[in-house]
Amino acid sequence: MLRFAPLALALAGAAALPVAHAGTTFQLDRPQAAPGETVEIRAVFFNDTPSAANWTPARQLVLQWRAPSGQSLRTLAYLAGEPVTSSVPVNNFARMSWRAVVPHGVDGLQAVSIEGEPALLALDVSTRERSPVAGTPALGPIVDVGRPDGTPGTGAPLPPAATAGLGENATVGPAPVAAGSAGQQPYSTAAWEHFRNALSPYEPVYFVVGTRGGTNARFQISLKYRLFQPPVDRPATFHENLYLGYTQTSLWDLDSPSKPFYDTTYNPSLFWMKDNVWQSASQRWFVGMNAGVEHQSNGRDGEESRSFNAFYAQPSLNYRFDGGSTLSFAPRLRKYFAVASENADVADVRGRVAWHLAWAQDDGAMISGLWRDGKGGRDSYQVDVAWPLRDTWLSNMNGYLHLQYVNGYGQSLLDYNVRQPDQFRVGLMLVR
């Protein structure tokens, strides 16, 4: 935040110079939780200094709670992942989150304190699902209690003309849970929390449209589900890095009268994945791993049926730049088995190694390239570029402007051995 000395002092020649600093703000993911439930503390580090700033989030935070008797309780919040140093450019930010269990023995509205940080987080830990604090509407009009300039209040309801367009209603306000949960799920059960915490994006999710050979669209959805959720008080063990994955990629013919789907690839998988298997002392270099077994099929029968299975390993070598971006090299090696007779030569066409190279800013722009080296010159290429829409005239829109270029063999599993004309598509990327 920038802080300026008063103008009067500046005119008098005794002004202080502007002071800029980097700071962190904290907030909770929801306004209400019962004892024993897990809440998420989200932090945003903003750099308002004249130069890039390094931010290393703490592995643990110490939280202070108050029991009804007034006794204080101190517990820990645990970082979601490893504490990697981020180099945050000027006027940019970085995000991180911690998870904490609400302790038993506390009740009512809590002002949760983070030790060492000037932050108080309001959380209603009433044991009732719809507590008077956060679960019910505020009944009553808006009352005149006075102004900050010293004008006394009457204590009476303000007239409708004075409150027109303010709040939700002249006589009743929404419950804080409803008011503070725009775009989020309100108070939820433990079962939903477990499911939501285990589900996350996997491959990029996008929808792009091109016109080469007729108007067509290509879109992809992809999710992964963590099979064993690690506790918040320690890093994940080996089996807690096991996932189920599902990716679906479709080609949609938008030129034909009935707008049919030309082909769809269904790609379920079971894999072990960890983003940070090894990290250098400087924290600039780190190595990740994704290894497992996958199935790909287009769901058809007869001569148009295509399917194969493969074991794969995809190590990734990553480098962090000062500007808050990462360069990643991640070749995927495949060992095919149980290949359908209709596509018996798929290993020769698609190759046994897919070479991936990507550069991505933290929560910003991204460019990635894919090259599959098939035998006999049957190569395929794909380049994706994504730019956050918040940095365009659509500043209040989520997602990324997505440009995609593909060339070579295998734009769909049906045409795995057919060289298609190169195609340029543009659209929306939801997850990169």
Protein backbone atom coordinates (compact mmCIF):
# COMPACT_ATOMS: atom_id res chain seq x y z
CA MET A 1 0.00 0.00 0.00
CA LEU A 2 1.27 3.53 -0.76
CA ARG A 3 1.22 5.99 2.14
CA PHE A 4 1.67 9.73 1.55
CA ALA A 5 2.39 12.50 4.02
CA PRO A 6 -0.34 15.13 4.25
CA LEU A 7 -0.27 17.75 1.53
CA ALA A 8 -0.04 20.57 4.02
CA LEU A 9 3.23 19.24 5.41
CA ALA A 10 4.53 18.72 1.89
CA LEU A 11 3.85 22.37 1.07
CA ALA A 12 5.64 23.33 4.25
CA GLY A 13 8.70 21.43 3.09
CA ALA A 14 8.51 18.74 5.75
CA ALA A 15 6.79 16.03 3.76
CA ALA A 16 7.76 12.41 4.14
CA LEU A 17 8.72 10.54 1.00
CA PRO A 18 6.20 8.03 -0.35
CA VAL A 19 6.67 4.64 1.26
CA ALA A 20 5.90 1.47 -0.69
CA HIS A 21 5.99 -2.03 0.62
CA ALA A 22 4.92 -5.56 -0.13
CA GLY A 23 2.15 -6.95 2.02
CA THR A 24 -0.03 -10.00 2.52
CA THR A 25 -3.79 -10.10 3.03
CA PHE A 26 -5.63 -13.11 4.45
CA GLN A 27 -9.21 -14.34 4.20
CA LEU A 28 -11.18 -17.50 5.01
CA ASP A 29 -12.86 -19.59 2.33
CA ARG A 30 -16.24 -19.44 4.13
CA PRO A 31 -17.86 -17.60 7.03
CA GLN A 32 -19.08 -20.62 9.05
CA ALA A 33 -17.65 -24.00 10.10
CA ALA A 34 -18.29 -26.41 12.94
CA PRO A 35 -15.59 -27.69 15.32
CA GLY A 36 -13.67 -30.54 13.70
CA GLU A 37 -14.19 -29.25 10.17
CA THR A 38 -11.38 -28.01 7.94
CA VAL A 39 -11.23 -24.42 6.71
CA GLU A 40 -8.91 -22.84 4.18
CA ILE A 41 -6.98 -19.64 4.82
CA ARG A 42 -6.17 -17.88 1.56
CA ALA A 43 -3.40 -15.32 1.24
CA VAL A 44 -2.58 -12.79 -1.47
CA PHE A 45 0.92 -11.29 -1.48
CA PHE A 46 0.98 -7.98 -3.37
CA ASN A 47 4.21 -6.26 -4.39
CA ASP A 48 3.91 -2.47 -4.43
CA THR A 49 7.65 -1.80 -4.24
CA PRO A 50 9.80 -0.37 -7.06
CA SER A 51 11.43 -3.74 -7.76
CA ALA A 52 10.63 -7.46 -7.79
CA ALA A 53 10.07 -8.99 -4.35
CA ASN A 54 10.59 -12.56 -3.18
CA TRP A 55 7.88 -14.22 -1.11
CA THR A 56 8.29 -17.56 0.64
CA PRO A 57 5.06 -18.61 2.39
CA ALA A 58 5.43 -20.16 5.82
CA ARG A 59 4.97 -23.91 6.00
CA GLN A 60 2.73 -23.41 9.07
CA LEU A 61 0.77 -20.56 10.63
CA VAL A 62 -0.06 -20.27 14.33
CA LEU A 63 -3.73 -19.44 14.91
CA GLN A 64 -5.30 -18.11 18.10
CA TRP A 65 -8.89 -18.97 19.09
CA ARG A 66 -10.96 -18.10 22.16
CA ALA A 67 -13.04 -20.59 24.16
CA PRO A 68 -16.35 -19.39 25.68
CA SER A 69 -14.57 -19.12 29.03
CA GLY A 70 -12.11 -16.65 27.53
CA GLN A 71 -9.23 -19.13 27.48
CA SER A 72 -7.06 -18.92 24.39
CA LEU A 73 -6.34 -21.92 22.13
CA ARG A 74 -3.38 -22.00 19.76
CA THR A 75 -3.43 -24.34 16.76
CA LEU A 76 -1.60 -24.73 13.46
CA ALA A 77 -2.61 -24.14 9.84
CA TYR A 78 -0.67 -26.16 7.26
CA LEU A 79 0.49 -25.00 3.84
CA ALA A 80 -1.20 -26.66 0.87
CA GLY A 81 1.96 -27.92 -0.85
CA GLU A 82 5.63 -27.12 -0.47
CA PRO A 83 6.87 -23.61 0.46
CA VAL A 84 8.28 -22.48 -2.90
CA THR A 85 9.74 -18.97 -3.16
CA SER A 86 7.91 -16.79 -5.68
CA SER A 87 9.55 -13.81 -7.32
CA VAL A 88 6.70 -11.31 -7.64
CA PRO A 89 7.14 -8.50 -10.21
CA VAL A 90 6.20 -4.89 -9.44
CA ASN A 91 2.43 -4.40 -9.12
CA ASN A 92 1.83 -8.14 -9.30
CA PHE A 93 0.68 -10.66 -6.75
CA ALA A 94 1.01 -14.31 -5.73
CA ARG A 95 -1.50 -16.58 -4.00
CA MET A 96 -1.14 -19.37 -1.44
CA SER A 97 -3.42 -21.17 1.00
CA TRP A 98 -3.24 -23.06 4.29
CA ARG A 99 -5.68 -25.55 5.79
CA ALA A 100 -6.64 -25.72 9.46
CA VAL A 101 -8.98 -27.78 11.62
CA VAL A 102 -11.44 -25.82 13.75
CA PRO A 103 -10.65 -26.92 17.33
CA HIS A 104 -13.22 -28.41 19.65
CA GLY A 105 -14.01 -26.27 22.64
CA VAL A 106 -14.64 -23.02 20.76
CA ASP A 107 -18.07 -21.67 19.94
CA GLY A 108 -19.83 -18.61 18.60
CA LEU A 109 -18.26 -15.87 16.52
CA GLN A 110 -14.47 -16.11 16.50
CA ALA A 111 -11.96 -13.40 15.61
CA VAL A 112 -9.20 -15.78 14.55
CA SER A 113 -5.76 -14.23 14.94
CA ILE A 114 -2.71 -15.19 12.87
CA GLU A 115 0.35 -14.74 15.06
CA GLY A 116 2.88 -12.37 13.53
CA GLU A 117 0.34 -10.96 11.06
CA PRO A 118 -1.96 -7.92 11.54
CA ALA A 119 -4.99 -10.00 10.59
CA LEU A 120 -8.21 -10.99 12.35
CA LEU A 121 -10.45 -13.45 10.50
CA ALA A 122 -14.13 -13.68 11.43
CA LEU A 123 -15.49 -17.23 11.60
CA ASP A 124 -18.76 -18.43 13.10
CA VAL A 125 -18.12 -21.80 14.76
CA SER A 126 -21.58 -22.25 16.25
CA THR A 127 -22.49 -25.92 16.36
CA ARG A 128 -25.91 -25.28 14.85
CA GLU A 129 -26.08 -25.37 11.07
CA ARG A 130 -28.04 -22.11 10.93
CA SER A 131 -26.71 -20.17 13.87
CA PRO A 132 -28.00 -16.70 14.80
CA VAL A 133 -24.61 -15.26 13.81
CA ALA A 134 -24.12 -16.54 10.28
CA GLY A 135 -27.13 -18.68 9.46
CA THR A 136 -30.14 -16.37 9.66
CA PRO A 137 -31.13 -13.08 7.98
CA ALA A 138 -30.79 -9.74 9.76
CA LEU A 139 -34.31 -8.53 10.49
CA GLY A 140 -34.95 -4.80 10.76
CA PRO A 141 -34.53 -1.55 8.87
CA ILE A 142 -31.37 0.51 8.43
CA VAL A 143 -31.06 2.76 11.50
CA ASP A 144 -29.59 6.26 11.84
CA VAL A 145 -26.81 5.95 14.45
CA GLY A 146 -24.93 9.12 13.48
CA ARG A 147 -22.17 10.09 11.07
CA PRO A 148 -18.38 9.81 11.41
CA ASP A 149 -18.14 13.62 11.21
CA GLY A 150 -19.82 13.91 14.59
CA THR A 151 -23.41 14.47 13.48
CA PRO A 152 -25.54 12.68 16.08
CA GLY A 153 -28.05 10.04 15.05
CA THR A 154 -31.71 9.84 15.89
CA GLY A 155 -31.76 6.08 16.53
CA ALA A 156 -34.77 5.85 14.23
CA PRO A 157 -35.06 4.00 10.90
CA LEU A 158 -33.75 6.01 7.98
CA PRO A 159 -36.38 7.10 5.44
CA PRO A 160 -36.68 5.01 2.23
CA ALA A 161 -35.29 7.87 0.15
CA ALA A 162 -32.05 7.80 2.14
CA THR A 163 -31.48 4.07 1.64
CA ALA A 164 -32.79 3.61 -1.90
CA GLY A 165 -30.56 1.17 -3.80
CA LEU A 166 -28.53 0.27 -0.71
CA GLY A 167 -28.27 -3.21 0.79
CA GLU A 168 -30.55 -6.03 -0.24
CA ASN A 169 -33.87 -4.83 1.15
CA ALA A 170 -35.28 -1.95 3.20
CA THR A 171 -36.41 -4.17 6.09
CA VAL A 172 -34.27 -7.31 6.01
CA GLY A 173 -30.66 -8.19 5.17
CA PRO A 174 -29.37 -11.59 3.97
CA ALA A 175 -27.53 -13.98 6.23
CA PRO A 176 -23.74 -13.45 6.06
CA VAL A 177 -23.34 -16.95 4.61
CA ALA A 178 -25.51 -16.03 1.64
CA ALA A 179 -24.11 -12.53 1.27
CA GLY A 180 -20.47 -13.62 1.32
CA SER A 181 -20.70 -16.68 -0.90
CA ALA A 182 -21.20 -15.26 -4.37
CA GLY A 183 -19.67 -17.76 -6.76
CA GLN A 184 -18.96 -20.18 -3.89
CA GLN A 185 -20.82 -22.93 -2.14
CA PRO A 186 -22.33 -21.82 1.20
CA TYR A 187 -22.13 -23.91 4.35
CA SER A 188 -21.69 -27.51 3.25
CA THR A 189 -21.50 -30.93 4.78
CA ALA A 190 -18.28 -32.79 5.60
CA ALA A 191 -18.98 -35.29 2.78
CA TRP A 192 -19.10 -32.51 0.21
CA GLU A 193 -15.94 -30.99 1.66
CA HIS A 194 -14.05 -34.27 1.26
CA PHE A 195 -15.22 -34.60 -2.35
CA ARG A 196 -14.44 -31.00 -3.24
CA ASN A 197 -10.96 -31.16 -1.69
CA ALA A 198 -10.14 -34.35 -3.63
CA LEU A 199 -11.29 -33.02 -7.03
CA SER A 200 -9.06 -30.73 -9.12
CA PRO A 201 -8.23 -29.84 -12.75
CA TYR A 202 -5.84 -32.05 -14.69
CA GLU A 203 -5.13 -31.26 -18.35
CA PRO A 204 -6.17 -27.88 -19.85
CA VAL A 205 -9.91 -27.25 -20.22
CA TYR A 206 -10.82 -25.24 -23.34
CA PHE A 207 -13.19 -24.61 -26.26
CA VAL A 208 -11.72 -23.34 -29.55
CA VAL A 209 -13.18 -22.81 -33.04
CA GLY A 210 -11.49 -22.93 -36.47
CA THR A 211 -12.58 -22.61 -40.10
CA ARG A 212 -10.05 -24.67 -42.10
CA GLY A 213 -12.05 -27.26 -44.07
CA GLY A 214 -15.33 -25.88 -42.70
CA THR A 215 -16.23 -24.38 -39.34
CA ASN A 216 -15.30 -26.78 -36.56
CA ALA A 217 -14.67 -26.75 -32.84
CA ARG A 218 -12.33 -28.64 -30.58
CA PHE A 219 -12.95 -28.80 -26.86
CA GLN A 220 -11.50 -30.63 -23.90
CA ILE A 221 -12.55 -31.29 -20.32
CA SER A 222 -10.21 -32.87 -17.78
CA LEU A 223 -10.34 -33.64 -14.05
CA LYS A 224 -8.42 -35.68 -11.51
CA TYR A 225 -9.56 -37.18 -8.20
CA ARG A 226 -7.19 -37.80 -5.30
CA LEU A 227 -7.84 -41.29 -3.94
CA PHE A 228 -6.34 -40.77 -0.47
CA GLN A 229 -6.59 -37.34 1.13
CA PRO A 230 -3.50 -36.56 3.25
CA PRO A 231 -4.02 -34.98 6.67
CA VAL A 232 -3.21 -31.31 7.02
CA ASP A 233 -0.37 -31.78 9.50
CA ARG A 234 2.23 -33.49 7.27
CA PRO A 235 3.30 -33.93 3.62
CA ALA A 236 1.56 -36.60 1.55
CA THR A 237 2.98 -40.12 1.66
CA PHE A 238 3.50 -42.22 -1.46
CA HIS A 239 0.00 -43.71 -1.73
CA GLU A 240 -1.58 -40.32 -0.97
CA ASN A 241 -0.29 -39.09 -4.34
CA LEU A 242 -2.46 -41.58 -6.27
CA TYR A 243 -5.12 -40.14 -8.59
CA LEU A 244 -7.89 -41.14 -10.95
CA GLY A 245 -7.94 -38.96 -14.05
CA TYR A 246 -10.39 -38.41 -16.87
CA THR A 247 -9.86 -36.36 -20.03
CA GLN A 248 -12.27 -36.06 -22.94
CA THR A 249 -11.38 -34.35 -26.22
CA SER A 250 -13.95 -33.84 -29.00
CA LEU A 251 -14.01 -32.52 -32.56
CA TRP A 252 -17.34 -30.89 -33.44
CA ASP A 253 -18.44 -30.34 -37.03
CA LEU A 254 -20.27 -27.00 -36.99
CA ASP A 255 -20.72 -26.79 -40.77
CA SER A 256 -23.00 -29.80 -41.33
CA PRO A 257 -26.76 -29.31 -40.96
CA SER A 258 -27.10 -31.54 -37.87
CA LYS A 259 -23.87 -30.24 -36.24
CA PRO A 260 -22.52 -33.74 -35.45
CA PHE A 261 -19.54 -34.60 -33.26
CA TYR A 262 -16.91 -35.88 -35.67
CA ASP A 263 -14.93 -37.85 -33.08
CA THR A 264 -14.39 -37.98 -29.31
CA THR A 265 -11.46 -39.45 -27.40
CA TYR A 266 -12.19 -40.83 -23.92
CA ASN A 267 -9.09 -41.03 -21.75
CA PRO A 268 -9.42 -42.45 -18.20
CA SER A 269 -6.21 -43.04 -16.24
CA LEU A 270 -4.77 -44.14 -12.90
CA PHE A 271 -1.53 -42.43 -11.95
CA TRP A 272 0.90 -41.29 -9.28
CA MET A 273 1.78 -37.60 -9.40
CA LYS A 274 3.87 -35.20 -7.37
CA ASP A 275 4.81 -31.74 -8.60
CA ASN A 276 7.90 -31.42 -6.44
CA VAL A 277 9.91 -34.64 -6.07
CA TRP A 278 13.21 -32.75 -5.82
CA GLN A 279 14.16 -29.09 -5.43
CA SER A 280 17.51 -27.32 -5.64
CA ALA A 281 18.93 -25.32 -2.76
CA SER A 282 18.19 -22.08 -4.64
CA GLN A 283 14.56 -23.26 -5.12
CA ARG A 284 14.79 -22.30 -8.78
CA TRP A 285 15.04 -25.84 -10.15
CA PHE A 286 12.55 -28.56 -9.22
CA VAL A 287 11.56 -31.93 -10.64
CA GLY A 288 8.09 -33.48 -10.77
CA MET A 289 6.74 -36.86 -11.84
CA ASN A 290 3.50 -38.22 -13.31
CA ALA A 291 3.44 -41.98 -13.99
CA GLY A 292 0.63 -44.48 -14.46
CA VAL A 293 -1.57 -46.37 -16.87
CA GLU A 294 -4.12 -44.95 -19.30
CA HIS A 295 -6.77 -46.08 -21.78
CA GLN A 296 -7.79 -44.15 -24.89
CA SER A 297 -10.81 -45.00 -27.00
CA ASN A 298 -13.23 -43.22 -29.32
CA GLY A 299 -16.19 -45.30 -28.13
CA ARG A 300 -17.09 -46.64 -31.57
CA ASP A 301 -17.33 -50.14 -32.98
CA GLY A 302 -16.57 -51.77 -36.30
CA GLU A 303 -14.11 -50.20 -38.72
CA GLU A 304 -14.24 -46.83 -36.95
CA SER A 305 -13.25 -48.27 -33.58
CA ARG A 306 -9.96 -46.98 -32.17
CA SER A 307 -8.43 -47.83 -28.79
CA PHE A 308 -5.17 -48.56 -27.01
CA ASN A 309 -3.73 -48.89 -23.52
CA ALA A 310 -0.36 -47.66 -22.33
CA PHE A 311 1.91 -47.43 -19.34
CA TYR A 312 3.52 -44.00 -19.19
CA ALA A 313 6.02 -41.94 -17.26
CA GLN A 314 6.28 -38.17 -17.53
CA PRO A 315 9.10 -36.54 -15.57
CA SER A 316 9.16 -32.75 -15.58
CA LEU A 317 12.14 -30.44 -15.20
CA ASN A 318 11.12 -26.94 -14.13
CA TYR A 319 12.91 -23.62 -13.68
CA ARG A 320 11.51 -20.61 -11.78
CA PHE A 321 12.34 -17.12 -13.09
CA ASP A 322 12.58 -13.94 -11.02
CA GLY A 323 9.56 -12.49 -12.79
CA GLY A 324 7.19 -15.09 -11.33
CA SER A 325 7.07 -17.54 -14.24
CA THR A 326 8.11 -21.17 -14.79
CA LEU A 327 9.68 -22.96 -17.75
CA SER A 328 8.82 -26.69 -17.88
CA PHE A 329 10.14 -29.55 -20.00
CA ALA A 330 8.05 -32.72 -19.60
CA PRO A 331 8.47 -35.58 -22.10
CA ARG A 332 5.85 -38.35 -21.81
CA LEU A 333 7.18 -41.87 -22.52
CA ARG A 334 4.63 -44.58 -23.43
CA LYS A 335 4.71 -48.38 -23.49
CA TYR A 336 1.69 -49.54 -25.48
CA PHE A 337 -0.23 -52.76 -24.76
CA ALA A 338 -3.65 -54.25 -25.61
CA VAL A 339 -3.83 -52.22 -28.82
CA ALA A 340 -6.93 -52.71 -30.98
CA SER A 341 -6.41 -54.37 -34.36
CA GLU A 342 -8.07 -51.40 -36.14
CA ASN A 343 -5.14 -49.20 -35.06
CA ALA A 344 -2.37 -51.74 -34.64
CA ASP A 345 0.30 -49.27 -35.83
CA VAL A 346 -0.68 -46.46 -33.44
CA ALA A 347 2.70 -46.60 -31.66
CA ASP A 348 4.51 -45.96 -34.96
CA VAL A 349 2.27 -43.03 -35.87
CA ARG A 350 1.89 -41.38 -32.47
CA GLY A 351 5.40 -42.24 -31.36
CA ARG A 352 6.59 -43.54 -28.05
CA VAL A 353 7.61 -40.14 -26.70
CA ALA A 354 5.56 -36.93 -26.67
CA TRP A 355 7.78 -33.89 -26.09
CA HIS A 356 6.20 -31.09 -24.04
CA LEU A 357 7.68 -27.64 -23.46
CA ALA A 358 5.79 -24.83 -21.67
CA TRP A 359 6.33 -21.39 -20.18
CA ALA A 360 3.70 -19.97 -17.84
CA GLN A 361 3.37 -16.92 -15.63
CA ASP A 362 1.83 -17.35 -12.20
CA ASP A 363 -1.89 -16.95 -12.81
CA GLY A 364 -1.05 -15.25 -16.12
CA ALA A 365 -0.05 -15.88 -19.73
CA MET A 366 1.03 -19.30 -20.99
CA ILE A 367 2.58 -20.77 -24.13
CA SER A 368 3.13 -24.50 -24.64
CA GLY A 369 4.28 -26.78 -27.42
CA LEU A 370 3.82 -30.50 -28.13
CA TRP A 371 5.71 -32.62 -30.65
CA ARG A 372 5.09 -36.31 -31.35
CA ASP A 373 7.79 -37.94 -33.46
CA GLY A 374 6.13 -40.65 -35.57
CA LYS A 375 8.00 -43.06 -37.82
CA GLY A 376 8.45 -42.21 -41.49
CA GLY A 377 7.94 -38.49 -40.99
CA ARG A 378 4.46 -38.89 -39.49
CA ASP A 379 4.97 -36.12 -36.96
CA SER A 380 2.37 -33.99 -35.23
CA TYR A 381 2.63 -30.57 -33.61
CA GLN A 382 0.46 -28.46 -31.35
CA VAL A 383 1.03 -24.97 -29.97
CA ASP A 384 -1.25 -23.35 -27.38
CA VAL A 385 -1.16 -19.72 -26.24
CA ALA A 386 -3.36 -18.42 -23.41
CA TRP A 387 -3.77 -14.85 -22.19
CA PRO A 388 -5.82 -13.95 -19.08
CA LEU A 389 -9.04 -12.14 -20.01
CA ARG A 390 -8.73 -9.92 -16.93
CA ASP A 391 -5.83 -8.21 -18.77
CA THR A 392 -8.08 -7.33 -21.72
CA TRP A 393 -11.17 -5.13 -22.09
CA LEU A 394 -13.10 -8.09 -20.60
CA SER A 395 -11.52 -7.38 -17.22
CA ASN A 396 -14.34 -8.92 -15.18
CA MET A 397 -14.41 -12.22 -17.13
CA ASN A 398 -12.79 -15.42 -15.91
CA GLY A 399 -10.60 -17.63 -18.08
CA TYR A 400 -8.08 -17.02 -20.84
CA LEU A 401 -8.13 -16.04 -24.49
CA HIS A 402 -6.89 -19.23 -26.16
CA LEU A 403 -5.08 -19.59 -29.50
CA GLN A 404 -4.31 -23.10 -30.75
CA TYR A 405 -2.36 -24.31 -33.79
CA VAL A 406 -2.21 -28.00 -34.80
CA ASN A 407 -0.43 -29.65 -37.71
CA GLY A 408 0.33 -33.22 -38.75
CA TYR A 409 -1.21 -36.55 -37.86
CA GLY A 410 -3.78 -37.48 -35.28
CA GLN A 411 -5.95 -34.43 -34.56
CA SER A 412 -8.47 -37.05 -33.48
CA LEU A 413 -8.11 -40.71 -32.52
CA LEU A 414 -10.27 -41.71 -35.49
CA ASP A 415 -7.76 -40.10 -37.85
CA TYR A 416 -4.65 -41.13 -35.92
CA ASN A 417 -2.92 -42.17 -39.21
CA VAL A 418 -4.33 -39.41 -41.43
CA ARG A 419 -2.48 -36.16 -42.05
CA GLN A 420 -4.97 -33.33 -41.75
CA PRO A 421 -4.46 -29.76 -43.01
CA ASP A 422 -2.94 -27.48 -40.42
CA GLN A 423 -5.56 -25.74 -38.34
CA PHE A 424 -5.63 -22.50 -36.38
CA ARG A 425 -8.37 -22.14 -33.74
CA VAL A 426 -9.32 -19.44 -31.25
CA GLY A 427 -11.56 -19.60 -28.19
CA LEU A 428 -11.74 -19.76 -24.40
CA MET A 429 -9.50 -21.65 -22.00
CA LEU A 430 -10.96 -22.20 -18.52
CA VAL A 431 -8.02 -24.04 -16.93
CA ARG A 432 -4.50 -23.94 -18.31
